Amino acid sequence: MTTESLAIGDNCEVILHFDLKLEDGSAADSTRVNNKPAKMVMGDGSLTKNFEDCLRGLKIGDKKAFELNADDAFGMPNPDNVYHVDRSKFTADTPVEEGMIIAFAQPDGSELPGVIRSVAGHSVTVDFNHPLAGQNLVFDVEIIDVKQLKA
């Protein structure tokens, strides 16, 4: 079986470009901006079943647009991911304004982005949900490469 005829299925590595849009058609994300396609592995648990089902059967060169509801995209916002932080935890030179995205250092050295939802007195509300959580989205994909991984 040649690579060109391989259809996306279980245990495939897929390289694709995608354009991600909100329901109103406004752009949310695109791999084309920096010309860096995304790489994903079918069945590794990083994608929802419905997202994978939309990719199944596609081959190199195929283009497809599909809608995903919030549960199948970035999930619904989780209230446990919203924290109230004391203003004193921010440095004096960090402007804290509603709508800002600030990277917070994690114990392992990685950074987690949080959106400032409100500032009231000494309390700053920070939302660590994915910015697109709760949104129904349209994915426009173009398949660049498909490889069968060894089991």
N, C-alpha and C. Protein backbone atom coordinates (compact mmCIF):
# COMPACT_ATOMS: atom_id res chain seq x y z
N MET A 1 0.85 -1.18 0.00
CA MET A 1 0.00 0.00 0.00
C MET A 1 0.90 1.25 0.00
N THR A 2 0.70 2.14 -0.93
CA THR A 2 1.51 3.35 -0.99
C THR A 2 0.95 4.38 -0.03
N THR A 3 1.83 5.27 0.40
CA THR A 3 1.43 6.30 1.35
C THR A 3 0.31 7.16 0.78
N GLU A 4 0.38 7.44 -0.53
CA GLU A 4 -0.61 8.33 -1.14
C GLU A 4 -2.03 7.81 -0.99
N SER A 5 -2.21 6.49 -0.96
CA SER A 5 -3.56 5.94 -0.90
C SER A 5 -4.00 5.61 0.53
N LEU A 6 -3.13 5.85 1.52
CA LEU A 6 -3.46 5.51 2.89
C LEU A 6 -4.52 6.47 3.43
N ALA A 7 -5.61 5.90 3.88
CA ALA A 7 -6.67 6.70 4.48
C ALA A 7 -6.44 6.77 5.99
N ILE A 8 -6.83 7.88 6.58
CA ILE A 8 -6.67 8.06 8.02
C ILE A 8 -7.52 7.04 8.76
N GLY A 9 -6.88 6.35 9.69
CA GLY A 9 -7.56 5.37 10.53
C GLY A 9 -6.83 5.27 11.85
N ASP A 10 -7.14 4.21 12.60
CA ASP A 10 -6.49 4.02 13.89
C ASP A 10 -4.98 3.93 13.74
N ASN A 11 -4.26 4.45 14.73
CA ASN A 11 -2.81 4.34 14.81
C ASN A 11 -2.10 4.98 13.62
N CYS A 12 -2.67 6.08 13.11
CA CYS A 12 -2.03 6.84 12.04
C CYS A 12 -1.51 8.15 12.60
N GLU A 13 -0.36 8.56 12.08
CA GLU A 13 0.15 9.89 12.37
C GLU A 13 -0.33 10.78 11.21
N VAL A 14 -0.95 11.89 11.57
CA VAL A 14 -1.54 12.78 10.58
C VAL A 14 -0.88 14.14 10.70
N ILE A 15 -0.43 14.68 9.57
CA ILE A 15 0.08 16.05 9.52
C ILE A 15 -0.92 16.84 8.70
N LEU A 16 -1.40 17.93 9.27
CA LEU A 16 -2.45 18.69 8.60
C LEU A 16 -2.34 20.18 8.91
N HIS A 17 -2.90 20.95 8.01
CA HIS A 17 -3.12 22.37 8.27
C HIS A 17 -4.56 22.50 8.70
N PHE A 18 -4.82 23.42 9.61
CA PHE A 18 -6.20 23.70 9.96
C PHE A 18 -6.42 25.19 10.16
N ASP A 19 -7.63 25.58 9.83
CA ASP A 19 -8.13 26.91 10.14
C ASP A 19 -9.30 26.70 11.09
N LEU A 20 -9.26 27.37 12.20
CA LEU A 20 -10.27 27.22 13.24
C LEU A 20 -11.08 28.50 13.31
N LYS A 21 -12.40 28.35 13.18
CA LYS A 21 -13.27 29.52 13.18
C LYS A 21 -14.38 29.35 14.21
N LEU A 22 -14.83 30.49 14.73
CA LEU A 22 -15.99 30.48 15.61
C LEU A 22 -17.24 30.36 14.75
N GLU A 23 -18.37 30.08 15.39
CA GLU A 23 -19.62 29.91 14.65
C GLU A 23 -19.97 31.11 13.78
N ASP A 24 -19.58 32.31 14.22
CA ASP A 24 -19.89 33.51 13.44
C ASP A 24 -18.94 33.72 12.27
N GLY A 25 -17.98 32.78 12.08
CA GLY A 25 -17.06 32.87 10.96
C GLY A 25 -15.75 33.58 11.27
N SER A 26 -15.64 34.18 12.46
CA SER A 26 -14.40 34.88 12.79
C SER A 26 -13.28 33.87 13.07
N ALA A 27 -12.07 34.22 12.67
CA ALA A 27 -10.91 33.34 12.80
C ALA A 27 -10.49 33.23 14.27
N ALA A 28 -10.20 32.01 14.71
CA ALA A 28 -9.74 31.79 16.08
C ALA A 28 -8.29 31.31 16.11
N ASP A 29 -7.88 30.52 15.12
CA ASP A 29 -6.53 29.97 15.09
C ASP A 29 -6.28 29.41 13.70
N SER A 30 -5.02 29.33 13.31
CA SER A 30 -4.67 28.72 12.03
C SER A 30 -3.21 28.31 12.05
N THR A 31 -2.95 27.12 11.52
CA THR A 31 -1.56 26.66 11.40
C THR A 31 -0.89 27.34 10.21
N ARG A 32 -1.67 27.95 9.34
CA ARG A 32 -1.11 28.57 8.14
C ARG A 32 -0.40 29.89 8.44
N VAL A 33 -0.74 30.53 9.57
CA VAL A 33 -0.15 31.82 9.91
C VAL A 33 1.37 31.73 9.92
N ASN A 34 1.91 30.71 10.58
CA ASN A 34 3.36 30.52 10.63
C ASN A 34 3.82 29.37 9.73
N ASN A 35 2.90 28.88 8.89
CA ASN A 35 3.16 27.74 8.00
C ASN A 35 3.77 26.56 8.75
N LYS A 36 3.18 26.25 9.93
CA LYS A 36 3.62 25.11 10.72
C LYS A 36 2.44 24.17 10.90
N PRO A 37 2.35 23.14 10.05
CA PRO A 37 1.22 22.20 10.19
C PRO A 37 1.23 21.49 11.54
N ALA A 38 0.07 21.04 11.95
CA ALA A 38 -0.07 20.30 13.20
C ALA A 38 0.17 18.82 12.94
N LYS A 39 0.67 18.13 13.98
CA LYS A 39 0.87 16.68 13.90
C LYS A 39 0.04 16.05 15.01
N MET A 40 -0.72 15.02 14.67
CA MET A 40 -1.52 14.31 15.67
C MET A 40 -1.50 12.83 15.38
N VAL A 41 -1.76 12.06 16.43
CA VAL A 41 -1.79 10.60 16.29
C VAL A 41 -3.20 10.14 16.64
N MET A 42 -3.81 9.45 15.70
CA MET A 42 -5.16 8.94 15.91
C MET A 42 -5.15 7.87 17.00
N GLY A 43 -6.07 8.00 17.96
CA GLY A 43 -6.21 7.00 19.00
C GLY A 43 -5.31 7.18 20.21
N ASP A 44 -4.53 8.28 20.25
CA ASP A 44 -3.64 8.46 21.41
C ASP A 44 -4.32 9.18 22.57
N GLY A 45 -5.59 9.53 22.40
CA GLY A 45 -6.33 10.16 23.50
C GLY A 45 -6.27 11.68 23.52
N SER A 46 -5.49 12.28 22.63
CA SER A 46 -5.38 13.75 22.63
C SER A 46 -6.53 14.41 21.89
N LEU A 47 -7.25 13.65 21.06
CA LEU A 47 -8.39 14.18 20.32
C LEU A 47 -9.67 13.50 20.79
N THR A 48 -10.79 14.21 20.70
CA THR A 48 -12.05 13.57 21.05
C THR A 48 -12.44 12.57 19.97
N LYS A 49 -13.30 11.63 20.31
CA LYS A 49 -13.73 10.62 19.36
C LYS A 49 -14.40 11.26 18.15
N ASN A 50 -15.27 12.25 18.39
CA ASN A 50 -15.96 12.89 17.27
C ASN A 50 -14.99 13.63 16.35
N PHE A 51 -13.95 14.25 16.93
CA PHE A 51 -12.96 14.92 16.10
C PHE A 51 -12.25 13.89 15.23
N GLU A 52 -11.82 12.78 15.85
CA GLU A 52 -11.15 11.71 15.08
C GLU A 52 -12.08 11.16 14.01
N ASP A 53 -13.36 10.98 14.33
CA ASP A 53 -14.30 10.44 13.36
C ASP A 53 -14.41 11.35 12.13
N CYS A 54 -14.28 12.66 12.33
CA CYS A 54 -14.34 13.61 11.21
C CYS A 54 -13.12 13.47 10.29
N LEU A 55 -12.00 13.01 10.84
CA LEU A 55 -10.78 12.85 10.04
C LEU A 55 -10.67 11.49 9.36
N ARG A 56 -11.36 10.48 9.92
CA ARG A 56 -11.25 9.11 9.39
C ARG A 56 -11.61 9.06 7.91
N GLY A 57 -10.79 8.33 7.18
CA GLY A 57 -11.06 8.12 5.75
C GLY A 57 -10.45 9.18 4.85
N LEU A 58 -10.01 10.31 5.41
CA LEU A 58 -9.39 11.33 4.58
C LEU A 58 -8.00 10.87 4.16
N LYS A 59 -7.55 11.37 3.00
CA LYS A 59 -6.24 11.01 2.46
C LYS A 59 -5.43 12.28 2.18
N ILE A 60 -4.16 12.11 1.86
CA ILE A 60 -3.29 13.24 1.54
C ILE A 60 -3.94 14.09 0.44
N GLY A 61 -3.96 15.38 0.66
CA GLY A 61 -4.54 16.32 -0.30
C GLY A 61 -6.01 16.62 -0.06
N ASP A 62 -6.68 15.79 0.74
CA ASP A 62 -8.09 16.03 1.01
C ASP A 62 -8.28 17.29 1.85
N LYS A 63 -9.38 17.99 1.57
CA LYS A 63 -9.77 19.16 2.36
C LYS A 63 -11.19 18.92 2.84
N LYS A 64 -11.45 19.31 4.08
CA LYS A 64 -12.79 19.10 4.63
C LYS A 64 -13.05 20.14 5.70
N ALA A 65 -14.27 20.61 5.77
CA ALA A 65 -14.69 21.51 6.85
C ALA A 65 -15.75 20.76 7.66
N PHE A 66 -15.65 20.86 8.98
CA PHE A 66 -16.65 20.23 9.83
C PHE A 66 -16.83 21.04 11.09
N GLU A 67 -18.04 20.94 11.64
CA GLU A 67 -18.36 21.66 12.87
C GLU A 67 -18.25 20.72 14.06
N LEU A 68 -17.72 21.23 15.15
CA LEU A 68 -17.67 20.47 16.39
C LEU A 68 -18.36 21.29 17.47
N ASN A 69 -19.21 20.62 18.25
CA ASN A 69 -19.80 21.34 19.38
C ASN A 69 -18.73 21.47 20.46
N ALA A 70 -18.99 22.31 21.42
CA ALA A 70 -17.99 22.63 22.45
C ALA A 70 -17.44 21.38 23.15
N ASP A 71 -18.30 20.40 23.43
CA ASP A 71 -17.84 19.19 24.12
C ASP A 71 -16.80 18.43 23.31
N ASP A 72 -16.87 18.50 21.98
CA ASP A 72 -15.94 17.76 21.12
C ASP A 72 -14.75 18.60 20.70
N ALA A 73 -14.76 19.88 21.03
CA ALA A 73 -13.64 20.76 20.68
C ALA A 73 -12.77 20.94 21.93
N PHE A 74 -12.99 22.00 22.68
CA PHE A 74 -12.17 22.27 23.87
C PHE A 74 -12.94 22.09 25.17
N GLY A 75 -14.11 21.46 25.08
CA GLY A 75 -14.89 21.19 26.28
C GLY A 75 -15.63 22.42 26.79
N MET A 76 -16.34 22.21 27.86
CA MET A 76 -17.08 23.29 28.49
C MET A 76 -16.19 23.91 29.58
N PRO A 77 -16.39 25.19 29.86
CA PRO A 77 -15.60 25.80 30.94
C PRO A 77 -15.85 25.08 32.26
N ASN A 78 -14.78 24.85 33.01
CA ASN A 78 -14.87 24.19 34.31
C ASN A 78 -14.71 25.25 35.39
N PRO A 79 -15.73 25.42 36.25
CA PRO A 79 -15.62 26.44 37.29
C PRO A 79 -14.44 26.22 38.24
N ASP A 80 -13.95 24.98 38.33
CA ASP A 80 -12.79 24.69 39.18
C ASP A 80 -11.49 25.26 38.61
N ASN A 81 -11.54 25.71 37.35
CA ASN A 81 -10.35 26.30 36.72
C ASN A 81 -10.33 27.82 36.82
N VAL A 82 -11.24 28.38 37.62
CA VAL A 82 -11.29 29.82 37.84
C VAL A 82 -10.83 30.08 39.27
N TYR A 83 -9.82 30.93 39.41
CA TYR A 83 -9.23 31.19 40.72
C TYR A 83 -9.30 32.67 41.07
N HIS A 84 -9.39 32.94 42.36
CA HIS A 84 -9.33 34.31 42.87
C HIS A 84 -7.95 34.46 43.51
N VAL A 85 -7.16 35.37 42.96
CA VAL A 85 -5.78 35.56 43.37
C VAL A 85 -5.64 36.94 44.00
N ASP A 86 -4.90 37.02 45.09
CA ASP A 86 -4.67 38.31 45.73
C ASP A 86 -3.78 39.18 44.84
N ARG A 87 -4.16 40.44 44.69
CA ARG A 87 -3.43 41.37 43.83
C ARG A 87 -1.94 41.43 44.19
N SER A 88 -1.61 41.19 45.44
CA SER A 88 -0.21 41.26 45.88
C SER A 88 0.65 40.17 45.24
N LYS A 89 0.04 39.14 44.66
CA LYS A 89 0.79 38.05 44.01
C LYS A 89 1.37 38.49 42.66
N PHE A 90 0.90 39.63 42.15
CA PHE A 90 1.39 40.14 40.88
C PHE A 90 2.44 41.21 41.15
N THR A 91 3.48 41.26 40.33
CA THR A 91 4.53 42.27 40.52
C THR A 91 3.96 43.65 40.21
N ALA A 92 4.59 44.65 40.77
CA ALA A 92 4.13 46.03 40.60
C ALA A 92 4.16 46.45 39.13
N ASP A 93 5.09 45.90 38.35
CA ASP A 93 5.18 46.30 36.94
C ASP A 93 4.30 45.45 36.01
N THR A 94 3.49 44.57 36.59
CA THR A 94 2.54 43.78 35.80
C THR A 94 1.18 44.46 35.83
N PRO A 95 0.80 45.07 34.71
CA PRO A 95 -0.54 45.67 34.70
C PRO A 95 -1.58 44.54 34.69
N VAL A 96 -2.54 44.61 35.59
CA VAL A 96 -3.56 43.57 35.68
C VAL A 96 -4.88 44.21 35.24
N GLU A 97 -5.28 43.87 34.01
CA GLU A 97 -6.50 44.43 33.45
C GLU A 97 -7.37 43.31 32.90
N GLU A 98 -8.68 43.52 32.97
CA GLU A 98 -9.63 42.55 32.47
C GLU A 98 -9.34 42.22 31.00
N GLY A 99 -9.33 40.92 30.67
CA GLY A 99 -9.10 40.48 29.30
C GLY A 99 -7.65 40.13 29.00
N MET A 100 -6.73 40.54 29.87
CA MET A 100 -5.31 40.23 29.64
C MET A 100 -5.05 38.74 29.82
N ILE A 101 -4.09 38.23 29.07
CA ILE A 101 -3.65 36.85 29.24
C ILE A 101 -2.25 36.91 29.85
N ILE A 102 -2.09 36.24 30.97
CA ILE A 102 -0.81 36.23 31.68
C ILE A 102 -0.35 34.79 31.83
N ALA A 103 0.94 34.55 31.60
CA ALA A 103 1.51 33.22 31.77
C ALA A 103 1.91 33.05 33.24
N PHE A 104 1.43 31.98 33.85
CA PHE A 104 1.75 31.68 35.24
C PHE A 104 2.71 30.50 35.28
N ALA A 105 3.81 30.66 36.03
CA ALA A 105 4.81 29.59 36.14
C ALA A 105 4.25 28.45 36.98
N GLN A 106 4.47 27.23 36.50
CA GLN A 106 4.05 26.03 37.20
C GLN A 106 5.24 25.46 37.98
N PRO A 107 4.98 24.61 38.97
CA PRO A 107 6.08 24.02 39.75
C PRO A 107 7.10 23.27 38.88
N ASP A 108 6.64 22.69 37.74
CA ASP A 108 7.56 21.93 36.89
C ASP A 108 8.33 22.82 35.92
N GLY A 109 8.11 24.14 36.01
CA GLY A 109 8.82 25.08 35.13
C GLY A 109 8.04 25.47 33.89
N SER A 110 6.97 24.75 33.60
CA SER A 110 6.16 25.11 32.43
C SER A 110 5.30 26.32 32.77
N GLU A 111 4.68 26.88 31.74
CA GLU A 111 3.81 28.03 31.95
C GLU A 111 2.39 27.69 31.55
N LEU A 112 1.43 28.23 32.30
CA LEU A 112 0.02 28.03 32.03
C LEU A 112 -0.63 29.39 31.83
N PRO A 113 -1.24 29.62 30.65
CA PRO A 113 -1.88 30.92 30.44
C PRO A 113 -3.19 31.03 31.19
N GLY A 114 -3.41 32.20 31.75
CA GLY A 114 -4.66 32.49 32.45
C GLY A 114 -5.21 33.82 31.96
N VAL A 115 -6.53 33.90 31.81
CA VAL A 115 -7.18 35.12 31.37
C VAL A 115 -7.72 35.86 32.59
N ILE A 116 -7.37 37.15 32.70
CA ILE A 116 -7.90 37.97 33.79
C ILE A 116 -9.37 38.28 33.46
N ARG A 117 -10.27 37.77 34.29
CA ARG A 117 -11.71 37.98 34.04
C ARG A 117 -12.23 39.22 34.76
N SER A 118 -11.69 39.51 35.95
CA SER A 118 -12.12 40.71 36.66
C SER A 118 -11.10 41.10 37.71
N VAL A 119 -11.10 42.38 38.05
CA VAL A 119 -10.25 42.91 39.10
C VAL A 119 -11.17 43.72 40.01
N ALA A 120 -11.26 43.31 41.28
CA ALA A 120 -12.11 44.01 42.24
C ALA A 120 -11.32 44.18 43.54
N GLY A 121 -10.87 45.40 43.77
CA GLY A 121 -10.07 45.65 44.98
C GLY A 121 -8.79 44.86 44.93
N HIS A 122 -8.58 44.02 45.95
CA HIS A 122 -7.37 43.20 46.02
C HIS A 122 -7.55 41.82 45.38
N SER A 123 -8.75 41.54 44.86
CA SER A 123 -9.03 40.23 44.28
C SER A 123 -8.99 40.27 42.75
N VAL A 124 -8.19 39.36 42.18
CA VAL A 124 -8.09 39.23 40.73
C VAL A 124 -8.63 37.85 40.36
N THR A 125 -9.63 37.81 39.48
CA THR A 125 -10.20 36.53 39.03
C THR A 125 -9.47 36.10 37.77
N VAL A 126 -8.85 34.90 37.85
CA VAL A 126 -8.08 34.36 36.73
C VAL A 126 -8.73 33.06 36.26
N ASP A 127 -8.96 32.99 34.95
CA ASP A 127 -9.62 31.83 34.34
C ASP A 127 -8.57 31.02 33.58
N PHE A 128 -8.36 29.77 34.02
CA PHE A 128 -7.38 28.89 33.37
C PHE A 128 -8.04 27.92 32.38
N ASN A 129 -9.33 28.09 32.10
CA ASN A 129 -9.97 27.28 31.06
C ASN A 129 -9.38 27.67 29.71
N HIS A 130 -9.41 26.75 28.75
CA HIS A 130 -8.96 27.09 27.40
C HIS A 130 -9.81 28.26 26.90
N PRO A 131 -9.21 29.25 26.26
CA PRO A 131 -9.99 30.41 25.80
C PRO A 131 -11.17 30.05 24.89
N LEU A 132 -11.10 28.90 24.23
CA LEU A 132 -12.19 28.50 23.34
C LEU A 132 -13.14 27.49 24.00
N ALA A 133 -12.97 27.23 25.28
CA ALA A 133 -13.89 26.32 25.99
C ALA A 133 -15.29 26.91 25.91
N GLY A 134 -16.25 26.03 25.68
CA GLY A 134 -17.65 26.46 25.61
C GLY A 134 -18.07 26.96 24.24
N GLN A 135 -17.15 26.99 23.28
CA GLN A 135 -17.46 27.49 21.94
C GLN A 135 -17.68 26.33 20.97
N ASN A 136 -18.71 26.45 20.13
CA ASN A 136 -18.86 25.55 19.00
C ASN A 136 -17.92 26.08 17.92
N LEU A 137 -17.18 25.18 17.26
CA LEU A 137 -16.14 25.61 16.33
C LEU A 137 -16.27 24.94 14.97
N VAL A 138 -15.73 25.62 13.96
CA VAL A 138 -15.63 25.06 12.62
C VAL A 138 -14.15 24.83 12.32
N PHE A 139 -13.81 23.59 11.99
CA PHE A 139 -12.45 23.24 11.60
C PHE A 139 -12.42 23.07 10.09
N ASP A 140 -11.48 23.71 9.46
CA ASP A 140 -11.25 23.57 8.02
C ASP A 140 -9.88 22.93 7.90
N VAL A 141 -9.82 21.65 7.49
CA VAL A 141 -8.55 20.93 7.49
C VAL A 141 -8.09 20.61 6.07
N GLU A 142 -6.77 20.53 5.92
CA GLU A 142 -6.14 20.04 4.69
C GLU A 142 -5.10 19.02 5.12
N ILE A 143 -5.24 17.79 4.63
CA ILE A 143 -4.35 16.70 5.02
C ILE A 143 -3.05 16.79 4.21
N ILE A 144 -1.93 16.89 4.92
CA ILE A 144 -0.61 17.01 4.29
C ILE A 144 0.06 15.64 4.16
N ASP A 145 -0.02 14.83 5.23
CA ASP A 145 0.64 13.52 5.20
C ASP A 145 -0.08 12.57 6.16
N VAL A 146 -0.07 11.28 5.83
CA VAL A 146 -0.65 10.23 6.67
C VAL A 146 0.34 9.08 6.70
N LYS A 147 0.71 8.64 7.89
CA LYS A 147 1.63 7.50 8.03
C LYS A 147 1.01 6.50 8.99
N GLN A 148 1.11 5.25 8.65
CA GLN A 148 0.66 4.19 9.56
C GLN A 148 1.78 3.94 10.56
N LEU A 149 1.48 4.01 11.84
CA LEU A 149 2.48 3.74 12.87
C LEU A 149 2.49 2.26 13.18
N LYS A 150 3.65 1.77 13.56
CA LYS A 150 3.73 0.35 13.93
C LYS A 150 3.06 0.16 15.27
N ALA A 151 2.34 -0.93 15.37
CA ALA A 151 1.59 -1.22 16.61
C ALA A 151 2.52 -1.57 17.75
